[in-house]
Protein backbone atom coordinates (compact mmCIF):
# COMPACT_ATOMS: atom_id res chain seq x y z
CA MET A 1 36.69 2.03 -8.05
CA ALA A 2 33.10 2.02 -9.50
CA GLU A 3 30.36 0.66 -7.17
CA VAL A 4 27.28 -1.07 -8.35
CA ILE A 5 23.95 0.21 -6.78
CA ARG A 6 21.55 -2.64 -6.29
CA MET A 7 17.76 -2.90 -5.30
CA PRO A 8 17.77 -3.01 -1.52
CA LYS A 9 15.35 -4.97 0.62
CA MET A 10 13.17 -2.15 1.99
CA SER A 11 10.66 -4.10 3.97
CA ASP A 12 10.42 -7.54 5.54
CA THR A 13 8.11 -8.86 2.84
CA MET A 14 9.68 -7.06 -0.17
CA VAL A 15 10.65 -9.36 -3.07
CA GLU A 16 10.87 -6.67 -5.82
CA GLY A 17 10.48 -2.95 -6.33
CA VAL A 18 9.46 -0.51 -9.06
CA ILE A 19 11.39 2.59 -9.95
CA ALA A 20 8.75 5.30 -9.48
CA ALA A 21 11.07 8.06 -10.56
CA TRP A 22 14.73 8.79 -11.03
CA LEU A 23 15.86 11.97 -9.35
CA LYS A 24 19.47 11.66 -10.77
CA LYS A 25 20.75 10.88 -14.30
CA VAL A 26 23.87 9.77 -15.90
CA GLY A 27 26.57 12.29 -15.52
CA ASP A 28 25.15 13.76 -12.40
CA THR A 29 27.58 14.07 -9.39
CA VAL A 30 26.21 12.76 -6.19
CA LYS A 31 27.27 12.73 -2.56
CA SER A 32 26.65 10.01 0.05
CA GLY A 33 23.15 10.66 1.38
CA ASP A 34 21.71 12.12 -1.71
CA ILE A 35 18.51 10.61 -2.99
CA LEU A 36 18.85 8.76 -6.29
CA ALA A 37 15.29 7.57 -6.89
CA GLU A 38 11.96 6.90 -5.56
CA VAL A 39 11.10 3.19 -5.24
CA GLU A 40 7.61 1.76 -4.94
CA THR A 41 7.75 -1.35 -2.65
CA ASP A 42 4.97 -3.56 -1.31
CA LYS A 43 4.43 -1.10 1.63
CA ALA A 44 4.98 2.40 0.37
CA THR A 45 7.08 4.59 -2.03
CA MET A 46 10.43 5.11 -0.45
CA GLU A 47 13.60 7.06 -1.20
CA LEU A 48 16.76 5.21 -2.59
CA GLU A 49 19.61 6.79 -0.96
CA ALA A 50 23.28 6.92 -2.29
CA TYR A 51 25.95 5.48 0.12
CA GLU A 52 28.86 6.37 -2.12
CA SER A 53 29.97 9.65 -3.51
CA GLY A 54 30.89 10.05 -7.21
CA THR A 55 29.38 10.38 -10.62
CA ILE A 56 26.53 8.27 -12.06
CA LEU A 57 28.16 6.35 -14.92
CA TYR A 58 25.35 4.02 -15.71
CA VAL A 59 21.62 3.67 -15.23
CA GLY A 60 20.26 0.18 -16.08
CA VAL A 61 16.58 0.48 -15.20
CA GLN A 62 13.85 2.61 -16.70
CA GLU A 63 11.13 4.25 -14.67
CA LYS A 64 8.04 2.07 -13.93
CA GLN A 65 10.27 -1.07 -14.45
CA THR A 66 10.13 -3.83 -11.83
CA VAL A 67 13.49 -4.93 -10.39
CA PRO A 68 14.01 -7.88 -8.03
CA ILE A 69 15.94 -7.54 -4.85
CA ASN A 70 19.69 -7.23 -5.64
CA GLY A 71 18.92 -6.28 -9.15
CA VAL A 72 21.30 -3.82 -10.74
CA LEU A 73 19.98 -0.26 -10.82
CA ALA A 74 23.04 1.96 -11.49
CA ILE A 75 26.82 2.28 -11.28
CA ILE A 76 28.62 5.21 -9.41
CA GLY A 77 32.27 5.87 -9.91
CA LYS A 78 34.99 8.50 -10.84
CA PRO A 79 34.20 10.77 -13.85
CA ASN A 80 34.95 9.04 -17.24
CA GLU A 81 35.89 5.77 -15.41
CA ASP A 82 35.99 2.77 -17.70
CA ILE A 83 33.24 0.45 -16.58
CA SER A 84 32.98 -1.82 -19.70
CA ALA A 85 34.48 -4.87 -17.82
CA LEU A 86 32.02 -4.40 -14.94
CA LEU A 87 29.05 -4.16 -17.38
CA THR A 88 30.20 -7.29 -19.15
CA GLU A 89 30.38 -9.06 -15.73
CA ILE A 90 26.82 -7.90 -14.93
CA GLN A 91 25.55 -9.15 -18.31
CA GLN A 92 27.05 -12.55 -17.69
CA ASN A 93 25.93 -12.96 -14.08
CA THR A 94 22.47 -11.30 -13.99
CA ALA A 95 19.38 -12.80 -15.57
CA PRO A 96 17.28 -10.40 -17.64
CA GLN A 97 15.12 -8.25 -15.42
CA ALA A 98 12.61 -7.09 -17.95
CA ALA A 99 9.60 -9.19 -18.81
CA SER A 100 8.95 -10.09 -22.33
CA GLU A 101 6.29 -7.39 -22.77
CA ASN A 102 8.65 -4.55 -21.46
CA VAL A 103 11.22 -2.73 -23.50
CA THR A 104 14.61 -3.70 -22.27
CA THR A 105 17.27 -0.96 -21.82
CA THR A 106 20.39 -1.60 -23.91
CA VAL A 107 23.48 -2.02 -21.92
CA SER A 108 26.27 0.27 -23.14
CA ALA A 109 30.02 0.12 -22.54
CA SER A 110 30.11 3.91 -22.63
CA PRO A 111 30.42 5.28 -19.02
CA THR A 112 28.50 8.29 -19.63
CA THR A 113 25.58 7.31 -21.92
CA LEU A 114 22.31 5.45 -21.19
CA LEU A 115 21.07 4.22 -24.50
CA GLN A 116 17.28 4.51 -24.94
CA PRO A 117 15.46 1.71 -26.68
CA GLU A 118 14.70 2.27 -30.37
CA LEU A 119 11.15 1.60 -31.42
CA PRO A 120 11.00 -0.19 -34.87
CA GLN A 121 8.75 0.93 -37.58
CA PRO A 122 5.42 -0.76 -37.64
CA ASN A 123 5.46 -3.95 -39.75
CA LEU A 124 2.39 -6.10 -39.44
CA ASN A 125 3.74 -8.95 -41.50
CA ALA A 126 7.45 -9.10 -40.51
CA ASN A 127 7.58 -12.92 -40.80
CA ASN A 128 6.43 -12.76 -44.47
CA THR A 129 3.70 -15.34 -43.81
CA GLY A 130 0.84 -12.82 -43.76
CA ARG A 131 0.14 -13.60 -40.07
CA THR A 132 -0.04 -10.54 -37.77
CA LEU A 133 2.51 -10.59 -34.95
CA ILE A 134 0.79 -9.90 -31.62
CA SER A 135 1.60 -10.97 -27.98
CA PRO A 136 -0.95 -13.40 -26.23
CA LEU A 137 -1.88 -10.68 -23.70
CA ALA A 138 -2.35 -8.04 -26.32
CA LYS A 139 -4.48 -10.41 -28.41
CA LYS A 140 -6.67 -11.22 -25.41
CA MET A 141 -7.21 -7.49 -24.74
CA ALA A 142 -7.91 -6.73 -28.37
CA GLN A 143 -10.48 -9.57 -28.63
CA ALA A 144 -12.15 -8.47 -25.41
CA GLN A 145 -12.46 -4.90 -26.69
CA GLY A 146 -13.55 -5.90 -30.23
CA HIS A 147 -10.58 -4.49 -32.14
CA ASP A 148 -9.43 -5.74 -35.48
CA ILE A 149 -5.86 -6.54 -34.95
CA THR A 150 -4.99 -6.28 -38.64
CA THR A 151 -5.59 -2.53 -38.38
CA ILE A 152 -3.40 -1.96 -35.35
CA GLN A 153 0.22 -0.78 -35.70
CA GLY A 154 2.52 -2.53 -33.43
CA THR A 155 5.56 -0.96 -31.76
CA GLY A 156 7.13 -4.12 -30.32
CA GLU A 157 10.00 -6.07 -31.91
CA ASN A 158 9.53 -6.53 -35.61
CA GLY A 159 6.25 -4.67 -35.46
CA ARG A 160 4.78 -6.99 -32.89
CA ILE A 161 1.59 -5.73 -31.27
CA ILE A 162 2.13 -5.54 -27.50
CA LYS A 163 0.05 -4.42 -24.51
CA ARG A 164 0.83 -0.75 -24.72
CA ASP A 165 -0.49 -0.55 -28.37
CA ILE A 166 -3.88 -1.75 -27.19
CA GLU A 167 -3.84 0.66 -24.29
CA SER A 168 -2.91 3.54 -26.62
CA LEU A 169 -5.77 2.76 -28.79
CA VAL A 170 -8.24 2.79 -26.00
CA ASN A 171 -6.91 6.14 -24.81
CA ARG A 172 -7.22 7.63 -28.24
CA GLN A 173 -10.84 6.32 -28.48
CA ILE A 174 -11.63 7.96 -25.12
CA ALA A 175 -10.14 11.23 -26.22
CA ASN A 176 -12.04 11.23 -29.56
CA SER A 177 -15.37 10.02 -28.17
CA SER A 178 -18.24 12.57 -27.72
CA TRP A 179 -21.95 12.56 -27.09
CA SER A 180 -25.06 14.82 -27.08
CA ILE A 181 -28.02 15.05 -24.85
CA ASP A 182 -30.29 13.80 -27.62
CA GLY A 183 -28.02 10.69 -28.24
CA SER A 184 -27.46 11.48 -31.79
CA SER A 185 -23.73 10.94 -31.52
CA ASN A 186 -22.21 7.45 -31.44
CA LEU A 187 -21.38 6.32 -27.93
CA GLN A 188 -18.53 3.85 -27.29
CA GLU A 189 -17.66 1.70 -24.33
CA ALA A 190 -14.41 2.70 -22.86
CA TRP A 191 -12.09 1.60 -20.06
CA GLU A 192 -8.64 1.76 -18.92
CA THR A 193 -6.23 -0.80 -17.65
CA ILE A 194 -3.34 0.15 -15.30
CA PRO A 195 -0.54 -1.98 -13.75
CA VAL A 196 -1.16 -3.28 -10.31
CA SER A 197 1.05 -1.44 -7.83
CA GLN A 198 3.41 -3.22 -5.40
CA ILE A 199 1.24 -2.06 -2.52
CA ARG A 200 -1.90 -3.28 -4.07
CA LYS A 201 -0.35 -6.71 -4.87
CA THR A 202 0.65 -7.04 -1.23
CA ILE A 203 -2.84 -6.05 0.03
CA ALA A 204 -4.43 -8.58 -2.28
CA ARG A 205 -2.05 -11.39 -1.21
CA ARG A 206 -2.29 -10.75 2.52
CA LEU A 207 -6.08 -10.43 2.49
CA ILE A 208 -6.53 -13.70 0.50
CA GLU A 209 -4.05 -15.45 2.82
CA SER A 210 -6.01 -14.13 5.94
CA LYS A 211 -9.53 -14.70 4.71
CA SER A 212 -8.82 -18.16 3.39
CA ALA A 213 -6.56 -19.47 6.22
CA ALA A 214 -7.98 -17.80 9.29
CA PRO A 215 -11.46 -18.86 10.39
CA HIS A 216 -13.10 -15.48 11.03
CA PHE A 217 -15.99 -14.79 13.41
CA TYR A 218 -17.52 -11.45 14.23
CA LEU A 219 -18.86 -9.90 17.41
CA SER A 220 -20.66 -6.52 17.44
CA ILE A 221 -21.61 -4.04 20.25
CA SER A 222 -23.12 -0.73 20.56
CA VAL A 223 -21.58 2.00 22.75
CA ASN A 224 -23.21 4.99 24.26
CA MET A 225 -20.82 7.86 23.45
CA ASP A 226 -22.78 10.73 25.23
CA THR A 227 -20.23 11.04 27.97
CA LEU A 228 -17.23 10.71 25.73
CA VAL A 229 -18.62 13.32 23.24
CA ALA A 230 -18.86 15.96 26.09
CA ALA A 231 -15.48 14.76 27.64
CA ARG A 232 -13.67 15.26 24.33
CA VAL A 233 -14.88 18.88 24.03
CA ASN A 234 -13.32 19.64 27.53
CA LEU A 235 -10.15 17.68 26.81
CA ASN A 236 -9.50 19.79 23.68
CA GLN A 237 -9.57 22.90 25.74
CA TYR A 238 -6.40 21.84 27.68
CA THR A 239 -4.15 20.34 24.96
CA SER A 240 -2.09 21.85 22.26
CA VAL A 241 -2.93 19.00 19.71
CA LYS A 242 -6.50 18.16 18.80
CA ILE A 243 -7.57 14.87 20.16
CA THR A 244 -9.89 12.93 17.86
CA PHE A 245 -12.37 10.27 18.80
CA ASN A 246 -10.02 7.85 16.99
CA ASP A 247 -7.19 8.74 19.27
CA ILE A 248 -9.42 7.97 22.27
CA ILE A 249 -10.52 4.67 20.87
CA ILE A 250 -6.84 3.73 20.39
CA LYS A 251 -6.18 4.50 24.00
CA ALA A 252 -9.30 2.57 25.22
CA VAL A 253 -8.39 -0.46 23.10
CA ALA A 254 -4.94 -0.54 24.47
CA VAL A 255 -6.20 -0.37 28.09
CA ALA A 256 -8.79 -3.09 27.34
CA ILE A 257 -6.17 -5.38 25.85
CA LYS A 258 -4.18 -5.13 29.13
CA GLN A 259 -7.19 -6.99 30.74
CA HIS A 260 -7.67 -9.46 27.87
CA LEU A 261 -4.23 -10.36 26.54
CA GLN A 262 -5.63 -13.32 24.59
CA VAL A 263 -6.82 -10.87 21.87
CA ASN A 264 -3.25 -9.63 21.68
CA THR A 265 -1.96 -12.83 20.10
CA ALA A 266 -0.67 -14.29 16.84
CA TRP A 267 -1.18 -17.61 15.27
CA LEU A 268 2.25 -18.99 14.17
CA GLY A 269 1.29 -22.52 13.07
CA ASP A 270 2.86 -24.69 15.69
CA THR A 271 2.83 -22.02 18.36
CA ILE A 272 0.70 -19.07 19.63
CA ARG A 273 2.47 -15.95 20.32
CA TYR A 274 1.20 -14.08 23.37
CA ASN A 275 2.36 -10.52 23.06
CA LYS A 276 2.93 -8.74 26.35
CA HIS A 277 3.55 -5.32 24.60
CA ILE A 278 0.65 -3.54 22.91
CA HIS A 279 1.34 -2.18 19.44
CA ILE A 280 -1.80 -0.83 17.78
CA GLY A 281 -1.90 -0.84 13.95
CA VAL A 282 -4.06 2.03 12.62
CA ALA A 283 -5.52 1.28 9.15
CA MET A 284 -5.21 4.31 6.80
CA ALA A 285 -6.58 4.71 3.24
CA VAL A 286 -4.26 6.51 0.83
CA GLU A 287 -4.27 6.83 -2.89
CA ALA A 288 -1.94 3.78 -3.33
CA GLY A 289 -4.03 1.48 -1.11
CA LEU A 290 -4.34 0.58 2.57
CA LEU A 291 -1.46 1.14 4.95
CA VAL A 292 -1.33 0.18 8.58
CA PRO A 293 1.30 2.29 10.55
CA VAL A 294 1.66 1.36 14.24
CA VAL A 295 1.34 3.18 17.48
CA LYS A 296 3.78 1.27 19.69
CA PHE A 297 3.37 0.70 23.43
CA ALA A 298 0.02 2.58 23.13
CA ASP A 299 -1.04 1.62 26.71
CA HIS A 300 1.89 3.65 28.06
CA LYS A 301 1.16 6.84 26.01
CA SER A 302 -1.17 9.71 26.94
CA LEU A 303 -3.96 10.82 24.70
CA SER A 304 -1.90 13.86 23.60
CA GLN A 305 1.03 11.58 22.68
CA ILE A 306 -1.19 9.28 20.67
CA ALA A 307 -2.87 12.16 18.93
CA THR A 308 0.53 13.70 17.93
CA GLU A 309 1.92 10.30 16.79
CA VAL A 310 -1.27 9.37 14.64
CA LYS A 311 -1.16 12.88 13.06
CA THR A 312 2.55 12.38 12.11
CA LEU A 313 2.06 9.00 10.74
CA THR A 314 -0.98 10.05 8.72
CA GLN A 315 1.02 12.97 7.09
CA ARG A 316 3.89 10.34 6.31
CA ALA A 317 1.50 7.92 4.92
CA HIS A 318 -0.12 10.45 2.54
CA ASN A 319 3.40 11.84 1.55
CA ASN A 320 4.77 8.20 0.93
CA GLN A 321 7.28 8.87 3.60
CA LEU A 322 6.61 5.86 5.90
CA GLN A 323 9.65 3.83 6.78
CA PRO A 324 9.67 0.04 7.73
CA SER A 325 9.80 0.85 11.39
CA ASP A 326 6.54 2.78 11.09
CA TRP A 327 4.42 -0.24 9.97
CA GLU A 328 6.22 -3.27 11.49
CA GLY A 329 5.18 -4.97 14.81
CA SER A 330 1.32 -4.58 14.99
CA THR A 331 -0.27 -6.80 17.67
CA PHE A 332 -3.83 -5.53 17.23
CA THR A 333 -5.49 -3.45 14.41
CA ILE A 334 -8.13 -0.72 14.39
CA SER A 335 -9.99 0.21 11.16
CA ASN A 336 -12.14 3.22 11.55
CA LEU A 337 -14.52 4.28 8.76
CA GLY A 338 -16.76 6.32 11.06
CA MET A 339 -15.50 9.55 9.67
CA LEU A 340 -16.78 8.52 6.30
CA GLY A 341 -20.26 7.95 7.68
CA ILE A 342 -20.15 4.12 7.58
CA GLU A 343 -22.46 2.92 10.35
CA SER A 344 -20.99 -0.51 10.74
CA PHE A 345 -18.80 -3.05 8.81
CA THR A 346 -16.62 -6.16 9.28
CA ALA A 347 -12.77 -6.03 8.77
CA ILE A 348 -10.46 -8.79 7.73
CA VAL A 349 -7.86 -9.82 10.21
CA ASN A 350 -4.44 -8.32 9.66
CA PRO A 351 -1.99 -11.27 9.99
CA PRO A 352 -0.28 -12.31 11.96
CA ALA A 353 -2.49 -10.52 14.60
CA SER A 354 -5.52 -12.43 15.64
CA CYS A 355 -8.01 -9.59 15.92
CA ILE A 356 -9.02 -6.38 14.25
CA LEU A 357 -11.65 -3.74 15.43
CA ALA A 358 -13.99 -2.23 12.87
CA VAL A 359 -15.30 1.19 14.19
CA GLY A 360 -18.35 2.85 12.74
CA ALA A 361 -19.76 6.36 12.88
CA ILE A 362 -21.05 8.04 15.95
CA GLN A 363 -24.77 8.67 15.32
CA GLN A 364 -27.39 10.51 17.17
CA VAL A 365 -30.29 8.20 17.49
CA PRO A 366 -33.30 7.68 19.88
CA ILE A 367 -32.24 5.63 22.97
CA VAL A 368 -34.10 4.47 26.03
CA LYS A 369 -32.76 6.19 29.23
CA GLU A 370 -34.52 5.38 32.54
CA GLY A 371 -37.67 4.34 30.67
CA THR A 372 -37.77 7.39 28.56
CA ILE A 373 -36.77 7.70 24.83
CA VAL A 374 -34.26 10.55 24.48
CA PRO A 375 -31.70 11.49 21.91
CA GLY A 376 -28.20 9.89 22.28
CA HIS A 377 -24.88 9.27 20.60
CA VAL A 378 -24.26 5.61 19.67
CA MET A 379 -21.25 3.98 18.04
CA LYS A 380 -21.24 0.44 16.77
CA VAL A 381 -17.97 -1.52 16.73
CA THR A 382 -17.34 -4.97 15.34
CA LEU A 383 -14.46 -7.35 16.41
CA SER A 384 -13.18 -9.81 13.87
CA CYS A 385 -11.38 -12.73 15.41
CA ASP A 386 -9.24 -15.66 14.32
CA HIS A 387 -11.06 -18.54 15.87
CA ARG A 388 -7.89 -20.65 15.89
CA VAL A 389 -6.64 -18.35 18.78
CA VAL A 390 -9.52 -16.28 20.14
CA ASP A 391 -12.84 -17.92 21.29
CA GLY A 392 -16.22 -16.15 21.42
CA ALA A 393 -16.30 -15.68 25.14
CA VAL A 394 -12.85 -14.10 25.11
CA GLY A 395 -13.83 -11.67 22.33
CA ALA A 396 -17.11 -10.78 24.13
CA ALA A 397 -15.32 -10.05 27.32
CA PHE A 398 -13.00 -7.76 25.59
CA LEU A 399 -15.80 -5.78 23.95
CA LYS A 400 -17.63 -5.53 27.31
CA THR A 401 -14.43 -3.96 28.82
CA LEU A 402 -13.94 -1.66 25.91
CA LYS A 403 -17.65 -0.52 25.97
CA GLU A 404 -17.26 0.27 29.70
CA LEU A 405 -14.14 2.31 29.11
CA LEU A 406 -15.64 4.30 26.35
CA GLU A 407 -18.84 4.94 28.30
CA GLU A 408 -16.82 6.06 31.39
CA PRO A 409 -13.79 7.76 29.73
CA LEU A 410 -12.38 8.95 33.06
CA ARG A 411 -11.23 5.40 33.64
CA LEU A 412 -8.66 5.93 30.76
CA LEU A 413 -6.92 8.54 32.95
CA VAL A 414 -6.48 6.28 35.94
């Protein structure tokens, strides 16, 4: 019997997904465990796995199309199986998944054919009134860019001008534009609009929620890294995996949290959650946006274990291979921009955690040591706190302990 493949919920906050790419097509034979498609969620691009074996009889969603959870993606069954009744039931029970600006895939009763949308011939005056047919979004884009809509050929229904027509016009202008050093050629303003990814939508929503709901305050401190710089060189002579400064900072933060559990909390509205376990979220910038995979039970792991785990998580993040278990459960977050040369910055709390630590670059600067100015390595860190949970004195005490651990790194090994 044919089975309907629906959009699964791939993360705790996912409400919809985008088909990034189909890896199988109608007529292909698949086995349980085969990868059918790549799905862009609010966290990462993940693989859609087949749980049934059979032949793909129907694909109801095009690439780049958004589908809500439980939306119909495909049907798998026996070769040449009649699925017309199943398709009729889906049409009757499922609301249209495509927005008005998108081309909707035609549902066919044929079990082996996916009908592609037909683009009508341009017809600017299809309603016989002389009025140009154009969607509100396309009209707004055209006006903003100074285009004469009467000269644009529409590819929507009945020749209606839609968003993609304006985008195509802009792309053609970019391709055809040219200039010379003396400025004799005509220069034109140009830009590109792209759809907002599911990851970027989630980043925007969570940051707005955090910044608007949580009363932030910030505490900064400078750390003398001379001893740690020398210690790291020695450590890497005895390990098979390279230990970075970020790995050491993760370990130091975890040890410091054990002495100041109030920074390891979460505001839940009517209650405050005091986490006794320490899961460190490590903010990572990838092409799609910002991801925060988690090093769990970081206080119980050695520097080598942390280094290995962070390296693995980084590779997964850049290859869009992170799974929900990789990013769930953070109790405290670290954002390190030091490797990019940023001296100091403030970060936005990653809810529901109550604190995030922003780490700057290790810089060689003049410092006063025993009354003498000498060169030294200094790193600035800034703790962002949710004042509903963490008070200034608590945050300051945590930073004091963290500074002591980093300036005397042997204490991390005790």
